[in-house]
Amino acid sequence: MDAELTVVPANEADCADLESIFGTRGPASRCQCQRYKLAPRESFASVPTEVRADRLRWQTDCGHPGSNATSGLVAYLASEPVGWCAVEPRPRYAGLVRVYKVPWAGRAEDQADEGVWAVTCMFTRSGFRRRGISRELALAAVDFARGRGARALEGYPMTTTAAIAEELHVGTVSTFAAAGLREVSRPTPRRAVMRIDF
């Protein structure tokens, strides 16, 4: 990996850097990392992109380096913002707890356990992919969660090339494995649950 790559908590990043990473076109710009944050009865159609972007700024507390609260990490190559990783206690992803089966299928997990953290999104800007940025973000997420008192960290990557092309934002099995997570279940043919216990 390039020696000029650094990863910082998102509150230490400028809000304009987050905007640069998510861009103005494509799925990331529309989602604004809100897929698992929508409230009951909310949908992407009912919550405008501008509102989702405002929510992301609030959740990350971007531009406030002294804050202890943030919802993710930002990667820089030299001084260019190039990547994003959503990582925080698993129950903070209300939609993940409420709607999605992947983290829970075949496992006896306490959905309210704040000691288990999750990576729900890893995104690298177009033009900077295939440089190991996602792997560095995954490694940083492990350190970040451990340093903030997590008992474990999970990720829910795609397992097939076709599926990965559709949903680049959830990471790959190899990315999480390189950060020390191991597969603990395969709830669907396209998704795995990866985990590291501290």
N, C-alpha and C. Protein backbone atom coordinates (compact mmCIF):
# COMPACT_ATOMS: atom_id res chain seq x y z
N MET A 1 0.84 -1.18 0.00
CA MET A 1 0.00 0.00 0.00
C MET A 1 0.88 1.23 0.00
N ASP A 2 0.41 2.26 -0.62
CA ASP A 2 1.12 3.52 -0.73
C ASP A 2 1.37 4.12 0.65
N ALA A 3 2.60 4.52 0.90
CA ALA A 3 2.97 5.08 2.20
C ALA A 3 2.24 6.38 2.49
N GLU A 4 1.71 7.01 1.44
CA GLU A 4 1.01 8.28 1.63
C GLU A 4 -0.45 8.10 2.02
N LEU A 5 -0.92 6.84 2.18
CA LEU A 5 -2.30 6.61 2.56
C LEU A 5 -2.45 6.75 4.07
N THR A 6 -3.42 7.52 4.50
CA THR A 6 -3.76 7.65 5.91
C THR A 6 -5.26 7.45 6.07
N VAL A 7 -5.65 6.95 7.24
CA VAL A 7 -7.06 6.76 7.56
C VAL A 7 -7.32 7.46 8.88
N VAL A 8 -8.36 8.29 8.91
CA VAL A 8 -8.69 9.05 10.12
C VAL A 8 -10.16 8.86 10.46
N PRO A 9 -10.53 9.02 11.74
CA PRO A 9 -11.96 9.05 12.07
C PRO A 9 -12.65 10.17 11.29
N ALA A 10 -13.87 9.94 10.87
CA ALA A 10 -14.55 10.88 9.98
C ALA A 10 -14.78 12.25 10.62
N ASN A 11 -14.83 12.32 11.94
CA ASN A 11 -14.99 13.64 12.57
C ASN A 11 -13.76 14.51 12.35
N GLU A 12 -12.61 13.88 12.06
CA GLU A 12 -11.38 14.64 11.79
C GLU A 12 -11.29 15.08 10.33
N ALA A 13 -12.22 14.60 9.51
CA ALA A 13 -12.23 14.98 8.09
C ALA A 13 -13.11 16.21 7.89
N ASP A 14 -12.80 16.96 6.86
CA ASP A 14 -13.65 18.08 6.48
C ASP A 14 -14.90 17.54 5.80
N CYS A 15 -16.03 18.18 6.02
CA CYS A 15 -17.28 17.72 5.39
C CYS A 15 -17.18 17.73 3.86
N ALA A 16 -16.42 18.67 3.31
CA ALA A 16 -16.24 18.71 1.86
C ALA A 16 -15.50 17.46 1.37
N ASP A 17 -14.64 16.88 2.21
CA ASP A 17 -13.94 15.66 1.82
C ASP A 17 -14.91 14.49 1.70
N LEU A 18 -15.86 14.40 2.63
CA LEU A 18 -16.89 13.37 2.52
C LEU A 18 -17.68 13.55 1.23
N GLU A 19 -18.05 14.77 0.92
CA GLU A 19 -18.79 15.05 -0.31
C GLU A 19 -17.99 14.62 -1.53
N SER A 20 -16.68 14.83 -1.49
CA SER A 20 -15.83 14.42 -2.62
C SER A 20 -15.84 12.90 -2.79
N ILE A 21 -15.81 12.18 -1.67
CA ILE A 21 -15.78 10.72 -1.74
C ILE A 21 -17.09 10.18 -2.32
N PHE A 22 -18.21 10.68 -1.83
CA PHE A 22 -19.52 10.17 -2.27
C PHE A 22 -19.90 10.68 -3.65
N GLY A 23 -19.37 11.82 -4.04
CA GLY A 23 -19.59 12.34 -5.39
C GLY A 23 -21.01 12.84 -5.63
N THR A 24 -21.29 13.06 -6.89
CA THR A 24 -22.60 13.61 -7.28
C THR A 24 -23.38 12.69 -8.21
N ARG A 25 -22.77 11.54 -8.57
CA ARG A 25 -23.44 10.57 -9.43
C ARG A 25 -23.22 9.18 -8.88
N GLY A 26 -24.11 8.28 -9.25
CA GLY A 26 -23.96 6.89 -8.88
C GLY A 26 -24.61 6.54 -7.54
N PRO A 27 -24.58 5.24 -7.21
CA PRO A 27 -25.27 4.75 -6.01
C PRO A 27 -24.78 5.39 -4.71
N ALA A 28 -23.48 5.62 -4.58
CA ALA A 28 -22.95 6.18 -3.32
C ALA A 28 -23.50 7.58 -3.08
N SER A 29 -23.59 8.38 -4.13
CA SER A 29 -24.09 9.75 -3.98
C SER A 29 -25.56 9.76 -3.59
N ARG A 30 -26.31 8.77 -4.07
CA ARG A 30 -27.73 8.70 -3.72
C ARG A 30 -27.93 8.13 -2.31
N CYS A 31 -27.12 7.14 -1.94
CA CYS A 31 -27.29 6.48 -0.64
C CYS A 31 -26.82 7.34 0.53
N GLN A 32 -25.64 7.96 0.39
CA GLN A 32 -25.04 8.74 1.47
C GLN A 32 -24.90 7.90 2.74
N CYS A 33 -24.66 6.60 2.56
CA CYS A 33 -24.46 5.65 3.65
C CYS A 33 -25.65 5.63 4.62
N GLN A 34 -26.84 5.70 4.07
CA GLN A 34 -28.05 5.72 4.91
C GLN A 34 -28.90 4.46 4.77
N ARG A 35 -28.44 3.48 4.01
CA ARG A 35 -29.24 2.27 3.77
C ARG A 35 -29.71 1.64 5.07
N TYR A 36 -28.84 1.52 6.04
CA TYR A 36 -29.18 0.88 7.31
C TYR A 36 -29.58 1.88 8.38
N LYS A 37 -29.69 3.15 8.01
CA LYS A 37 -30.02 4.21 8.98
C LYS A 37 -31.44 4.74 8.83
N LEU A 38 -32.14 4.34 7.79
CA LEU A 38 -33.49 4.84 7.58
C LEU A 38 -34.42 4.38 8.70
N ALA A 39 -35.31 5.26 9.11
CA ALA A 39 -36.28 4.95 10.17
C ALA A 39 -37.40 4.09 9.60
N PRO A 40 -38.20 3.46 10.47
CA PRO A 40 -39.34 2.68 9.97
C PRO A 40 -40.20 3.54 9.04
N ARG A 41 -40.64 2.93 7.96
CA ARG A 41 -41.50 3.56 6.95
C ARG A 41 -40.78 4.61 6.10
N GLU A 42 -39.49 4.83 6.32
CA GLU A 42 -38.73 5.70 5.43
C GLU A 42 -38.17 4.86 4.28
N SER A 43 -37.99 5.50 3.13
CA SER A 43 -37.36 4.86 1.97
C SER A 43 -36.51 5.90 1.28
N PHE A 44 -35.67 5.47 0.36
CA PHE A 44 -34.88 6.43 -0.38
C PHE A 44 -35.80 7.39 -1.14
N ALA A 45 -36.95 6.91 -1.59
CA ALA A 45 -37.88 7.77 -2.33
C ALA A 45 -38.51 8.83 -1.42
N SER A 46 -38.65 8.51 -0.13
CA SER A 46 -39.32 9.45 0.78
C SER A 46 -38.36 10.39 1.50
N VAL A 47 -37.06 10.11 1.41
CA VAL A 47 -36.06 10.96 2.07
C VAL A 47 -35.11 11.49 1.00
N PRO A 48 -35.19 12.77 0.66
CA PRO A 48 -34.36 13.32 -0.42
C PRO A 48 -32.86 13.14 -0.15
N THR A 49 -32.10 13.07 -1.22
CA THR A 49 -30.64 12.90 -1.11
C THR A 49 -30.02 13.97 -0.24
N GLU A 50 -30.49 15.20 -0.34
CA GLU A 50 -29.92 16.29 0.46
C GLU A 50 -30.11 16.02 1.95
N VAL A 51 -31.25 15.45 2.32
CA VAL A 51 -31.51 15.12 3.72
C VAL A 51 -30.59 13.98 4.16
N ARG A 52 -30.40 12.99 3.29
CA ARG A 52 -29.50 11.88 3.62
C ARG A 52 -28.07 12.39 3.79
N ALA A 53 -27.66 13.34 2.95
CA ALA A 53 -26.31 13.93 3.06
C ALA A 53 -26.17 14.70 4.38
N ASP A 54 -27.22 15.44 4.76
CA ASP A 54 -27.20 16.15 6.05
C ASP A 54 -27.08 15.16 7.20
N ARG A 55 -27.80 14.06 7.11
CA ARG A 55 -27.74 13.05 8.17
C ARG A 55 -26.33 12.47 8.28
N LEU A 56 -25.69 12.22 7.13
CA LEU A 56 -24.33 11.69 7.16
C LEU A 56 -23.38 12.68 7.83
N ARG A 57 -23.51 13.96 7.50
CA ARG A 57 -22.65 14.97 8.16
C ARG A 57 -22.87 14.97 9.66
N TRP A 58 -24.11 14.86 10.09
CA TRP A 58 -24.42 14.83 11.52
C TRP A 58 -23.87 13.56 12.17
N GLN A 59 -24.06 12.40 11.52
CA GLN A 59 -23.61 11.12 12.07
C GLN A 59 -22.09 11.06 12.19
N THR A 60 -21.39 11.62 11.22
CA THR A 60 -19.92 11.57 11.25
C THR A 60 -19.34 12.65 12.16
N ASP A 61 -20.10 13.72 12.37
CA ASP A 61 -19.61 14.90 13.10
C ASP A 61 -18.37 15.45 12.39
N CYS A 62 -18.37 15.36 11.05
CA CYS A 62 -17.23 15.82 10.26
C CYS A 62 -16.91 17.28 10.58
N GLY A 63 -15.63 17.58 10.53
CA GLY A 63 -15.17 18.94 10.80
C GLY A 63 -15.02 19.27 12.27
N HIS A 64 -15.16 18.26 13.14
CA HIS A 64 -15.03 18.47 14.58
C HIS A 64 -14.01 17.48 15.16
N PRO A 65 -12.72 17.76 14.98
CA PRO A 65 -11.69 16.81 15.40
C PRO A 65 -11.69 16.46 16.88
N GLY A 66 -12.23 17.33 17.72
CA GLY A 66 -12.26 17.04 19.15
C GLY A 66 -13.40 16.15 19.58
N SER A 67 -14.30 15.82 18.67
CA SER A 67 -15.47 15.02 19.01
C SER A 67 -15.09 13.56 19.26
N ASN A 68 -15.81 12.91 20.14
CA ASN A 68 -15.62 11.47 20.37
C ASN A 68 -16.64 10.65 19.61
N ALA A 69 -17.55 11.32 18.92
CA ALA A 69 -18.63 10.62 18.22
C ALA A 69 -18.44 10.72 16.72
N THR A 70 -18.43 9.57 16.06
CA THR A 70 -18.40 9.55 14.61
C THR A 70 -18.90 8.20 14.15
N SER A 71 -19.32 8.12 12.90
CA SER A 71 -19.88 6.88 12.38
C SER A 71 -18.98 6.19 11.36
N GLY A 72 -17.73 6.65 11.22
CA GLY A 72 -16.89 6.00 10.23
C GLY A 72 -15.50 6.55 10.13
N LEU A 73 -14.84 6.14 9.06
CA LEU A 73 -13.44 6.48 8.78
C LEU A 73 -13.32 7.03 7.37
N VAL A 74 -12.33 7.90 7.19
CA VAL A 74 -12.05 8.47 5.87
C VAL A 74 -10.59 8.19 5.52
N ALA A 75 -10.37 7.74 4.29
CA ALA A 75 -9.01 7.46 3.81
C ALA A 75 -8.56 8.58 2.88
N TYR A 76 -7.28 8.95 3.03
CA TYR A 76 -6.66 9.96 2.18
C TYR A 76 -5.44 9.35 1.50
N LEU A 77 -5.28 9.63 0.24
CA LEU A 77 -4.07 9.27 -0.48
C LEU A 77 -3.36 10.59 -0.75
N ALA A 78 -2.19 10.76 -0.11
CA ALA A 78 -1.57 12.08 -0.01
C ALA A 78 -2.60 12.94 0.72
N SER A 79 -3.08 14.01 0.13
CA SER A 79 -4.10 14.81 0.81
C SER A 79 -5.46 14.68 0.14
N GLU A 80 -5.58 13.73 -0.78
CA GLU A 80 -6.82 13.55 -1.54
C GLU A 80 -7.76 12.58 -0.81
N PRO A 81 -9.01 12.98 -0.51
CA PRO A 81 -9.95 12.04 0.12
C PRO A 81 -10.37 10.98 -0.88
N VAL A 82 -10.15 9.70 -0.53
CA VAL A 82 -10.37 8.63 -1.52
C VAL A 82 -11.29 7.51 -1.05
N GLY A 83 -11.54 7.38 0.25
CA GLY A 83 -12.34 6.25 0.69
C GLY A 83 -13.10 6.49 1.97
N TRP A 84 -14.13 5.69 2.16
CA TRP A 84 -15.02 5.79 3.31
C TRP A 84 -15.30 4.39 3.86
N CYS A 85 -15.40 4.29 5.17
CA CYS A 85 -15.79 3.04 5.83
C CYS A 85 -16.74 3.38 6.97
N ALA A 86 -17.95 2.82 6.94
CA ALA A 86 -18.92 2.99 8.03
C ALA A 86 -18.62 1.93 9.08
N VAL A 87 -18.33 2.36 10.30
CA VAL A 87 -18.05 1.41 11.38
C VAL A 87 -18.50 2.00 12.71
N GLU A 88 -19.39 1.30 13.38
CA GLU A 88 -19.87 1.71 14.70
C GLU A 88 -20.61 0.54 15.33
N PRO A 89 -21.07 0.69 16.57
CA PRO A 89 -21.78 -0.42 17.21
C PRO A 89 -22.96 -0.90 16.36
N ARG A 90 -23.08 -2.19 16.25
CA ARG A 90 -24.08 -2.80 15.36
C ARG A 90 -25.52 -2.30 15.61
N PRO A 91 -25.95 -2.10 16.86
CA PRO A 91 -27.33 -1.63 17.06
C PRO A 91 -27.62 -0.23 16.52
N ARG A 92 -26.58 0.53 16.21
CA ARG A 92 -26.81 1.88 15.67
C ARG A 92 -27.32 1.84 14.23
N TYR A 93 -27.22 0.67 13.61
CA TYR A 93 -27.77 0.48 12.27
C TYR A 93 -29.18 -0.08 12.42
N ALA A 94 -30.13 0.81 12.68
CA ALA A 94 -31.50 0.38 12.98
C ALA A 94 -32.08 -0.51 11.89
N GLY A 95 -31.81 -0.17 10.64
CA GLY A 95 -32.33 -0.97 9.53
C GLY A 95 -31.70 -2.34 9.47
N LEU A 96 -30.45 -2.44 9.82
CA LEU A 96 -29.77 -3.74 9.85
C LEU A 96 -30.42 -4.64 10.88
N VAL A 97 -30.73 -4.07 12.02
CA VAL A 97 -31.36 -4.82 13.11
C VAL A 97 -32.81 -5.16 12.75
N ARG A 98 -33.51 -4.21 12.15
CA ARG A 98 -34.95 -4.33 11.94
C ARG A 98 -35.33 -5.16 10.70
N VAL A 99 -34.56 -5.02 9.63
CA VAL A 99 -35.02 -5.54 8.34
C VAL A 99 -34.16 -6.66 7.78
N TYR A 100 -32.85 -6.52 7.87
CA TYR A 100 -31.97 -7.42 7.14
C TYR A 100 -31.72 -8.72 7.89
N LYS A 101 -31.79 -9.83 7.15
CA LYS A 101 -31.64 -11.15 7.75
C LYS A 101 -30.18 -11.61 7.81
N VAL A 102 -29.34 -11.07 6.94
CA VAL A 102 -27.97 -11.57 6.80
C VAL A 102 -27.21 -11.67 8.13
N PRO A 103 -27.18 -10.65 8.97
CA PRO A 103 -26.37 -10.77 10.19
C PRO A 103 -26.90 -11.78 11.20
N TRP A 104 -28.18 -12.14 11.08
CA TRP A 104 -28.81 -12.92 12.15
C TRP A 104 -29.11 -14.36 11.78
N ALA A 105 -29.18 -14.68 10.50
CA ALA A 105 -29.59 -16.01 10.06
C ALA A 105 -28.69 -17.11 10.65
N GLY A 106 -29.32 -18.05 11.35
CA GLY A 106 -28.60 -19.20 11.88
C GLY A 106 -27.69 -18.90 13.06
N ARG A 107 -27.80 -17.70 13.65
CA ARG A 107 -26.94 -17.36 14.78
C ARG A 107 -27.79 -16.82 15.92
N ALA A 108 -27.39 -17.13 17.13
CA ALA A 108 -28.09 -16.61 18.31
C ALA A 108 -27.34 -15.37 18.78
N GLU A 109 -27.68 -14.24 18.19
CA GLU A 109 -27.00 -12.97 18.48
C GLU A 109 -27.95 -12.02 19.19
N ASP A 110 -27.46 -11.32 20.18
CA ASP A 110 -28.23 -10.26 20.84
C ASP A 110 -28.16 -9.03 19.95
N GLN A 111 -29.26 -8.68 19.31
CA GLN A 111 -29.27 -7.58 18.36
C GLN A 111 -29.02 -6.23 19.02
N ALA A 112 -29.18 -6.15 20.33
CA ALA A 112 -28.98 -4.89 21.05
C ALA A 112 -27.58 -4.78 21.67
N ASP A 113 -26.71 -5.75 21.42
CA ASP A 113 -25.37 -5.78 22.03
C ASP A 113 -24.47 -4.69 21.44
N GLU A 114 -24.24 -3.63 22.21
CA GLU A 114 -23.39 -2.51 21.76
C GLU A 114 -21.91 -2.89 21.69
N GLY A 115 -21.55 -4.03 22.25
CA GLY A 115 -20.17 -4.46 22.23
C GLY A 115 -19.74 -5.06 20.90
N VAL A 116 -20.72 -5.40 20.06
CA VAL A 116 -20.41 -5.91 18.72
C VAL A 116 -20.59 -4.76 17.74
N TRP A 117 -19.52 -4.45 17.03
CA TRP A 117 -19.53 -3.39 16.04
C TRP A 117 -19.67 -4.00 14.65
N ALA A 118 -20.04 -3.17 13.68
CA ALA A 118 -20.22 -3.65 12.31
C ALA A 118 -19.66 -2.65 11.30
N VAL A 119 -19.11 -3.20 10.24
CA VAL A 119 -18.75 -2.43 9.04
C VAL A 119 -19.86 -2.71 8.04
N THR A 120 -20.61 -1.68 7.70
CA THR A 120 -21.72 -1.88 6.76
C THR A 120 -21.44 -1.30 5.39
N CYS A 121 -20.39 -0.50 5.27
CA CYS A 121 -20.10 0.14 3.98
C CYS A 121 -18.60 0.40 3.88
N MET A 122 -18.05 0.06 2.72
CA MET A 122 -16.69 0.45 2.36
C MET A 122 -16.74 0.93 0.92
N PHE A 123 -16.30 2.14 0.72
CA PHE A 123 -16.43 2.73 -0.61
C PHE A 123 -15.15 3.47 -0.97
N THR A 124 -14.64 3.18 -2.16
CA THR A 124 -13.46 3.87 -2.69
C THR A 124 -13.88 4.64 -3.94
N ARG A 125 -13.46 5.88 -4.02
CA ARG A 125 -13.79 6.72 -5.16
C ARG A 125 -13.31 6.13 -6.47
N SER A 126 -14.09 6.38 -7.50
CA SER A 126 -13.68 6.00 -8.84
C SER A 126 -12.34 6.68 -9.16
N GLY A 127 -11.46 5.94 -9.80
CA GLY A 127 -10.14 6.46 -10.12
C GLY A 127 -9.08 6.07 -9.09
N PHE A 128 -9.53 5.56 -7.94
CA PHE A 128 -8.59 5.17 -6.89
C PHE A 128 -8.76 3.71 -6.49
N ARG A 129 -9.58 2.97 -7.21
CA ARG A 129 -9.84 1.57 -6.87
C ARG A 129 -8.68 0.68 -7.30
N ARG A 130 -8.65 -0.51 -6.71
CA ARG A 130 -7.63 -1.52 -6.98
C ARG A 130 -6.24 -1.07 -6.52
N ARG A 131 -6.20 -0.29 -5.46
CA ARG A 131 -4.94 0.16 -4.87
C ARG A 131 -4.80 -0.29 -3.43
N GLY A 132 -5.72 -1.15 -2.96
CA GLY A 132 -5.64 -1.64 -1.59
C GLY A 132 -6.27 -0.72 -0.56
N ILE A 133 -7.01 0.27 -1.02
CA ILE A 133 -7.60 1.23 -0.07
C ILE A 133 -8.64 0.56 0.81
N SER A 134 -9.48 -0.29 0.25
CA SER A 134 -10.49 -0.99 1.06
C SER A 134 -9.84 -1.86 2.13
N ARG A 135 -8.74 -2.52 1.78
CA ARG A 135 -8.04 -3.35 2.78
C ARG A 135 -7.50 -2.49 3.92
N GLU A 136 -6.98 -1.34 3.59
CA GLU A 136 -6.48 -0.44 4.63
C GLU A 136 -7.62 0.10 5.49
N LEU A 137 -8.75 0.37 4.87
CA LEU A 137 -9.91 0.80 5.63
C LEU A 137 -10.39 -0.31 6.57
N ALA A 138 -10.40 -1.55 6.09
CA ALA A 138 -10.83 -2.67 6.95
C ALA A 138 -9.87 -2.85 8.13
N LEU A 139 -8.57 -2.76 7.87
CA LEU A 139 -7.59 -2.84 8.96
C LEU A 139 -7.79 -1.71 9.97
N ALA A 140 -8.03 -0.51 9.46
CA ALA A 140 -8.26 0.64 10.34
C ALA A 140 -9.54 0.47 11.13
N ALA A 141 -10.56 -0.14 10.53
CA ALA A 141 -11.82 -0.38 11.23
C ALA A 141 -11.63 -1.32 12.41
N VAL A 142 -10.80 -2.34 12.22
CA VAL A 142 -10.49 -3.26 13.32
C VAL A 142 -9.85 -2.50 14.48
N ASP A 143 -8.84 -1.71 14.17
CA ASP A 143 -8.16 -0.93 15.21
C ASP A 143 -9.09 0.08 15.86
N PHE A 144 -9.92 0.73 15.06
CA PHE A 144 -10.84 1.74 15.55
C PHE A 144 -11.85 1.13 16.52
N ALA A 145 -12.47 0.03 16.11
CA ALA A 145 -13.46 -0.63 16.97
C ALA A 145 -12.82 -1.13 18.26
N ARG A 146 -11.69 -1.80 18.13
CA ARG A 146 -10.98 -2.31 19.32
C ARG A 146 -10.62 -1.16 20.26
N GLY A 147 -10.11 -0.07 19.70
CA GLY A 147 -9.70 1.08 20.51
C GLY A 147 -10.85 1.78 21.20
N ARG A 148 -12.06 1.58 20.70
CA ARG A 148 -13.24 2.21 21.31
C ARG A 148 -14.03 1.23 22.16
N GLY A 149 -13.41 0.09 22.48
CA GLY A 149 -14.02 -0.83 23.44
C GLY A 149 -14.89 -1.93 22.88
N ALA A 150 -14.87 -2.14 21.56
CA ALA A 150 -15.69 -3.21 20.98
C ALA A 150 -15.19 -4.57 21.46
N ARG A 151 -16.10 -5.52 21.60
CA ARG A 151 -15.76 -6.91 21.91
C ARG A 151 -15.51 -7.70 20.64
N ALA A 152 -16.15 -7.25 19.55
CA ALA A 152 -16.04 -7.95 18.26
C ALA A 152 -16.40 -6.97 17.15
N LEU A 153 -15.98 -7.32 15.94
CA LEU A 153 -16.31 -6.53 14.76
C LEU A 153 -16.78 -7.49 13.67
N GLU A 154 -17.87 -7.11 12.99
CA GLU A 154 -18.40 -7.93 11.91
C GLU A 154 -18.48 -7.14 10.61
N GLY A 155 -18.46 -7.88 9.50
CA GLY A 155 -18.71 -7.33 8.17
C GLY A 155 -19.59 -8.31 7.42
N TYR A 156 -20.27 -7.84 6.38
CA TYR A 156 -21.25 -8.66 5.66
C TYR A 156 -21.01 -8.57 4.16
N PRO A 157 -19.86 -9.07 3.70
CA PRO A 157 -19.47 -8.87 2.30
C PRO A 157 -20.23 -9.74 1.30
N MET A 158 -20.14 -9.32 0.05
CA MET A 158 -20.66 -10.11 -1.07
C MET A 158 -19.65 -11.22 -1.37
N THR A 159 -20.16 -12.32 -1.93
CA THR A 159 -19.30 -13.47 -2.18
C THR A 159 -19.08 -13.79 -3.64
N THR A 160 -19.84 -13.16 -4.54
CA THR A 160 -19.71 -13.47 -5.97
C THR A 160 -19.30 -12.23 -6.74
N THR A 161 -18.58 -12.43 -7.81
CA THR A 161 -18.11 -11.32 -8.62
C THR A 161 -19.27 -10.50 -9.17
N ALA A 162 -20.31 -11.17 -9.66
CA ALA A 162 -21.46 -10.45 -10.22
C ALA A 162 -22.13 -9.60 -9.14
N ALA A 163 -22.27 -10.18 -7.96
CA ALA A 163 -22.92 -9.45 -6.87
C ALA A 163 -22.06 -8.28 -6.41
N ILE A 164 -20.76 -8.48 -6.39
CA ILE A 164 -19.85 -7.40 -5.97
C ILE A 164 -19.96 -6.23 -6.94
N ALA A 165 -20.08 -6.54 -8.23
CA ALA A 165 -20.22 -5.47 -9.22
C ALA A 165 -21.47 -4.65 -8.97
N GLU A 166 -22.53 -5.31 -8.45
CA GLU A 166 -23.78 -4.60 -8.15
C GLU A 166 -23.67 -3.78 -6.87
N GLU A 167 -22.94 -4.29 -5.86
CA GLU A 167 -22.93 -3.65 -4.55
C GLU A 167 -21.50 -3.55 -4.01
N LEU A 168 -20.72 -2.68 -4.61
CA LEU A 168 -19.32 -2.51 -4.20
C LEU A 168 -19.18 -2.03 -2.77
N HIS A 169 -20.20 -1.44 -2.22
CA HIS A 169 -20.09 -0.77 -0.93
C HIS A 169 -20.01 -1.69 0.28
N VAL A 170 -20.26 -2.97 0.16
CA VAL A 170 -20.24 -3.83 1.35
C VAL A 170 -18.92 -4.57 1.55
N GLY A 171 -17.98 -4.41 0.64
CA GLY A 171 -16.69 -5.08 0.78
C GLY A 171 -16.71 -6.50 0.24
N THR A 172 -15.54 -7.13 0.27
CA THR A 172 -15.39 -8.50 -0.22
C THR A 172 -14.86 -9.38 0.89
N VAL A 173 -15.04 -10.67 0.72
CA VAL A 173 -14.54 -11.64 1.70
C VAL A 173 -13.04 -11.47 1.87
N SER A 174 -12.31 -11.32 0.77
CA SER A 174 -10.84 -11.22 0.85
C SER A 174 -10.40 -9.95 1.58
N THR A 175 -11.15 -8.86 1.41
CA THR A 175 -10.82 -7.62 2.10
C THR A 175 -10.92 -7.80 3.61
N PHE A 176 -12.02 -8.39 4.06
CA PHE A 176 -12.20 -8.60 5.49
C PHE A 176 -11.22 -9.65 6.03
N ALA A 177 -10.96 -10.70 5.24
CA ALA A 177 -10.00 -11.73 5.68
C ALA A 177 -8.61 -11.13 5.87
N ALA A 178 -8.22 -10.21 5.00
CA ALA A 178 -6.91 -9.57 5.11
C ALA A 178 -6.79 -8.74 6.40
N ALA A 179 -7.93 -8.33 6.96
CA ALA A 179 -7.94 -7.55 8.20
C ALA A 179 -8.10 -8.45 9.42
N GLY A 180 -8.12 -9.77 9.21
CA GLY A 180 -8.18 -10.70 10.34
C GLY A 180 -9.56 -11.24 10.67
N LEU A 181 -10.58 -10.86 9.90
CA LEU A 181 -11.91 -11.40 10.15
C LEU A 181 -12.03 -12.77 9.51
N ARG A 182 -12.81 -13.63 10.10
CA ARG A 182 -13.02 -14.96 9.53
C ARG A 182 -14.50 -15.18 9.28
N GLU A 183 -14.80 -16.01 8.30
CA GLU A 183 -16.19 -16.28 7.97
C GLU A 183 -16.83 -17.12 9.07
N VAL A 184 -17.98 -16.65 9.58
CA VAL A 184 -18.69 -17.40 10.62
C VAL A 184 -20.01 -17.96 10.12
N SER A 185 -20.52 -17.43 9.02
CA SER A 185 -21.72 -18.02 8.42
C SER A 185 -21.86 -17.55 6.98
N ARG A 186 -22.69 -18.30 6.24
CA ARG A 186 -23.00 -17.98 4.84
C ARG A 186 -24.53 -18.01 4.72
N PRO A 187 -25.20 -16.94 5.17
CA PRO A 187 -26.66 -16.96 5.23
C PRO A 187 -27.36 -17.01 3.88
N THR A 188 -26.69 -16.53 2.83
CA THR A 188 -27.24 -16.62 1.47
C THR A 188 -26.08 -16.97 0.55
N PRO A 189 -26.38 -17.42 -0.67
CA PRO A 189 -25.29 -17.73 -1.59
C PRO A 189 -24.43 -16.52 -1.93
N ARG A 190 -24.97 -15.31 -1.78
CA ARG A 190 -24.24 -14.09 -2.16
C ARG A 190 -23.62 -13.34 -1.00
N ARG A 191 -23.94 -13.70 0.24
CA ARG A 191 -23.45 -12.93 1.38
C ARG A 191 -22.82 -13.82 2.43
N ALA A 192 -21.76 -13.30 3.05
CA ALA A 192 -21.11 -13.99 4.16
C ALA A 192 -21.13 -13.07 5.38
N VAL A 193 -21.02 -13.67 6.56
CA VAL A 193 -20.80 -12.90 7.78
C VAL A 193 -19.38 -13.18 8.22
N MET A 194 -18.60 -12.13 8.32
CA MET A 194 -17.20 -12.21 8.75
C MET A 194 -17.08 -11.56 10.13
N ARG A 195 -16.19 -12.07 10.97
CA ARG A 195 -16.12 -11.57 12.35
C ARG A 195 -14.73 -11.74 12.92
N ILE A 196 -14.36 -10.78 13.77
CA ILE A 196 -13.16 -10.91 14.59
C ILE A 196 -13.56 -10.58 16.03
N ASP A 197 -13.13 -11.42 16.96
CA ASP A 197 -13.40 -11.19 18.37
C ASP A 197 -12.13 -10.66 19.02
N PHE A 198 -12.27 -9.68 19.91
CA PHE A 198 -11.11 -9.06 20.56
C PHE A 198 -10.93 -9.63 21.96
